[in-house]
């Protein structure tokens, strides 16, 4: 019993509430297609294997299928390919 409790306490201690809040804010930016976030970070959809800009006009993915990346390179290292709709691998037009 003591082991299960200590495991639970370790799991709670390792939970990063700030990162979870940041991810929720990022997901809200995706839903709003927020152009002010372009170039700051990218999101990837696990079910499609694609990464996008926050402003991509593609259908909104389910939250549980989304992963966030700080750069295009990080998304590509994680095995995602660029979206053919928003072209995150190209420079953003002004």
C-alpha atoms as a PDB file:
ATOM      1  CA  UNK A   1       0.000   0.000   0.000  1.00  0.00           C
ATOM      2  CA  UNK A   2       2.802   2.366   0.886  1.00  0.00           C
ATOM      3  CA  UNK A   3       4.441   1.775  -2.513  1.00  0.00           C
ATOM      4  CA  UNK A   4       1.281   2.652  -4.454  1.00  0.00           C
ATOM      5  CA  UNK A   5       0.903   5.869  -2.477  1.00  0.00           C
ATOM      6  CA  UNK A   6       4.523   6.887  -3.042  1.00  0.00           C
ATOM      7  CA  UNK A   7       4.143   6.142  -6.777  1.00  0.00           C
ATOM      8  CA  UNK A   8       1.055   8.354  -6.888  1.00  0.00           C
ATOM      9  CA  UNK A   9       2.863  11.154  -5.086  1.00  0.00           C
ATOM     10  CA  UNK A  10       5.775  10.918  -7.525  1.00  0.00           C
ATOM     11  CA  UNK A  11       3.392  11.082 -10.486  1.00  0.00           C
ATOM     12  CA  UNK A  12       1.649  14.142  -9.061  1.00  0.00           C
ATOM     13  CA  UNK A  13       4.970  15.833  -8.355  1.00  0.00           C
ATOM     14  CA  UNK A  14       6.147  15.283 -11.928  1.00  0.00           C
ATOM     15  CA  UNK A  15       2.952  16.758 -13.445  1.00  0.00           C
ATOM     16  CA  UNK A  16       3.785  20.129 -14.948  1.00  0.00           C
ATOM     17  CA  UNK A  17       0.673  22.285 -14.545  1.00  0.00           C
ATOM     18  CA  UNK A  18       2.329  25.178 -16.382  1.00  0.00           C
ATOM     19  CA  UNK A  19       2.973  23.033 -19.462  1.00  0.00           C
ATOM     20  CA  UNK A  20      -0.595  21.714 -19.388  1.00  0.00           C
ATOM     21  CA  UNK A  21      -1.965  25.249 -19.202  1.00  0.00           C
ATOM     22  CA  UNK A  22       0.345  26.345 -22.032  1.00  0.00           C
ATOM     23  CA  UNK A  23      -0.844  23.426 -24.163  1.00  0.00           C
ATOM     24  CA  UNK A  24      -4.484  24.308 -23.471  1.00  0.00           C
ATOM     25  CA  UNK A  25      -3.788  27.897 -24.519  1.00  0.00           C
ATOM     26  CA  UNK A  26      -2.083  26.639 -27.673  1.00  0.00           C
ATOM     27  CA  UNK A  27      -5.032  24.404 -28.503  1.00  0.00           C
ATOM     28  CA  UNK A  28      -7.335  27.428 -28.113  1.00  0.00           C
ATOM     29  CA  UNK A  29      -5.086  29.283 -30.585  1.00  0.00           C
ATOM     30  CA  UNK A  30      -5.478  26.419 -33.079  1.00  0.00           C
ATOM     31  CA  UNK A  31      -9.260  26.536 -32.699  1.00  0.00           C
ATOM     32  CA  UNK A  32      -9.197  30.309 -33.301  1.00  0.00           C
ATOM     33  CA  UNK A  33      -6.669  29.992 -36.171  1.00  0.00           C
ATOM     34  CA  UNK A  34      -4.596  32.647 -34.428  1.00  0.00           C
ATOM     35  CA  UNK A  35      -2.181  34.199 -36.935  1.00  0.00           C
ATOM     36  CA  UNK A  36      -0.228  35.961 -34.171  1.00  0.00           C
ATOM     37  CA  UNK A  37       1.268  32.572 -33.205  1.00  0.00           C
ATOM     38  CA  UNK A  38       2.762  31.776 -36.623  1.00  0.00           C
ATOM     39  CA  UNK A  39       6.425  30.806 -36.273  1.00  0.00           C
ATOM     40  CA  UNK A  40       6.332  30.619 -32.469  1.00  0.00           C
ATOM     41  CA  UNK A  41       5.395  26.932 -32.352  1.00  0.00           C
ATOM     42  CA  UNK A  42       3.847  24.170 -34.451  1.00  0.00           C
ATOM     43  CA  UNK A  43       1.344  21.457 -33.761  1.00  0.00           C
ATOM     44  CA  UNK A  44       1.221  17.910 -35.045  1.00  0.00           C
ATOM     45  CA  UNK A  45      -1.699  15.532 -35.388  1.00  0.00           C
ATOM     46  CA  UNK A  46      -0.799  11.993 -34.361  1.00  0.00           C
ATOM     47  CA  UNK A  47      -3.567  10.354 -36.397  1.00  0.00           C
ATOM     48  CA  UNK A  48      -2.501  11.952 -39.698  1.00  0.00           C
ATOM     49  CA  UNK A  49       1.268  12.264 -39.196  1.00  0.00           C
ATOM     50  CA  UNK A  50       1.139  15.924 -40.250  1.00  0.00           C
ATOM     51  CA  UNK A  51       2.391  19.097 -38.554  1.00  0.00           C
ATOM     52  CA  UNK A  52       0.871  22.541 -39.110  1.00  0.00           C
ATOM     53  CA  UNK A  53       1.022  26.218 -38.281  1.00  0.00           C
ATOM     54  CA  UNK A  54      -1.397  27.365 -35.548  1.00  0.00           C
ATOM     55  CA  UNK A  55      -3.408  29.237 -38.186  1.00  0.00           C
ATOM     56  CA  UNK A  56      -3.943  26.248 -40.503  1.00  0.00           C
ATOM     57  CA  UNK A  57      -7.405  26.115 -42.054  1.00  0.00           C
ATOM     58  CA  UNK A  58      -7.603  22.320 -41.810  1.00  0.00           C
ATOM     59  CA  UNK A  59     -10.306  20.747 -39.682  1.00  0.00           C
ATOM     60  CA  UNK A  60      -9.750  21.104 -35.932  1.00  0.00           C
ATOM     61  CA  UNK A  61      -8.191  17.871 -34.618  1.00  0.00           C
ATOM     62  CA  UNK A  62      -9.270  16.256 -31.382  1.00  0.00           C
ATOM     63  CA  UNK A  63      -7.212  17.552 -28.464  1.00  0.00           C
ATOM     64  CA  UNK A  64      -5.982  14.077 -27.530  1.00  0.00           C
ATOM     65  CA  UNK A  65      -4.426  13.682 -30.997  1.00  0.00           C
ATOM     66  CA  UNK A  66      -2.400  16.908 -30.876  1.00  0.00           C
ATOM     67  CA  UNK A  67       1.269  17.273 -29.934  1.00  0.00           C
ATOM     68  CA  UNK A  68       3.076  20.624 -29.740  1.00  0.00           C
ATOM     69  CA  UNK A  69       6.572  21.357 -31.025  1.00  0.00           C
ATOM     70  CA  UNK A  70       8.783  24.396 -30.597  1.00  0.00           C
ATOM     71  CA  UNK A  71      10.141  24.195 -34.139  1.00  0.00           C
ATOM     72  CA  UNK A  72       9.595  22.611 -37.540  1.00  0.00           C
ATOM     73  CA  UNK A  73      12.762  20.586 -37.033  1.00  0.00           C
ATOM     74  CA  UNK A  74      11.425  19.174 -33.759  1.00  0.00           C
ATOM     75  CA  UNK A  75       8.177  18.118 -35.451  1.00  0.00           C
ATOM     76  CA  UNK A  76      10.084  16.464 -38.290  1.00  0.00           C
ATOM     77  CA  UNK A  77      12.428  14.680 -35.848  1.00  0.00           C
ATOM     78  CA  UNK A  78       9.312  13.320 -34.159  1.00  0.00           C
ATOM     79  CA  UNK A  79       8.309  11.789 -37.492  1.00  0.00           C
ATOM     80  CA  UNK A  80       5.729  14.270 -38.779  1.00  0.00           C
ATOM     81  CA  UNK A  81       5.579  15.664 -42.315  1.00  0.00           C
ATOM     82  CA  UNK A  82       4.576  19.231 -43.289  1.00  0.00           C
ATOM     83  CA  UNK A  83       0.915  19.957 -44.012  1.00  0.00           C
ATOM     84  CA  UNK A  84       0.140  20.438 -47.686  1.00  0.00           C
ATOM     85  CA  UNK A  85      -2.482  23.066 -46.876  1.00  0.00           C
ATOM     86  CA  UNK A  86      -0.615  25.559 -44.657  1.00  0.00           C
ATOM     87  CA  UNK A  87       2.924  24.659 -45.831  1.00  0.00           C
ATOM     88  CA  UNK A  88       4.714  25.138 -42.486  1.00  0.00           C
ATOM     89  CA  UNK A  89       8.005  24.166 -44.159  1.00  0.00           C
ATOM     90  CA  UNK A  90       7.919  27.422 -46.131  1.00  0.00           C
ATOM     91  CA  UNK A  91       8.349  30.947 -44.836  1.00  0.00           C
ATOM     92  CA  UNK A  92       5.147  32.653 -43.752  1.00  0.00           C
ATOM     93  CA  UNK A  93       3.930  35.390 -46.066  1.00  0.00           C
ATOM     94  CA  UNK A  94       3.376  38.797 -44.462  1.00  0.00           C
END
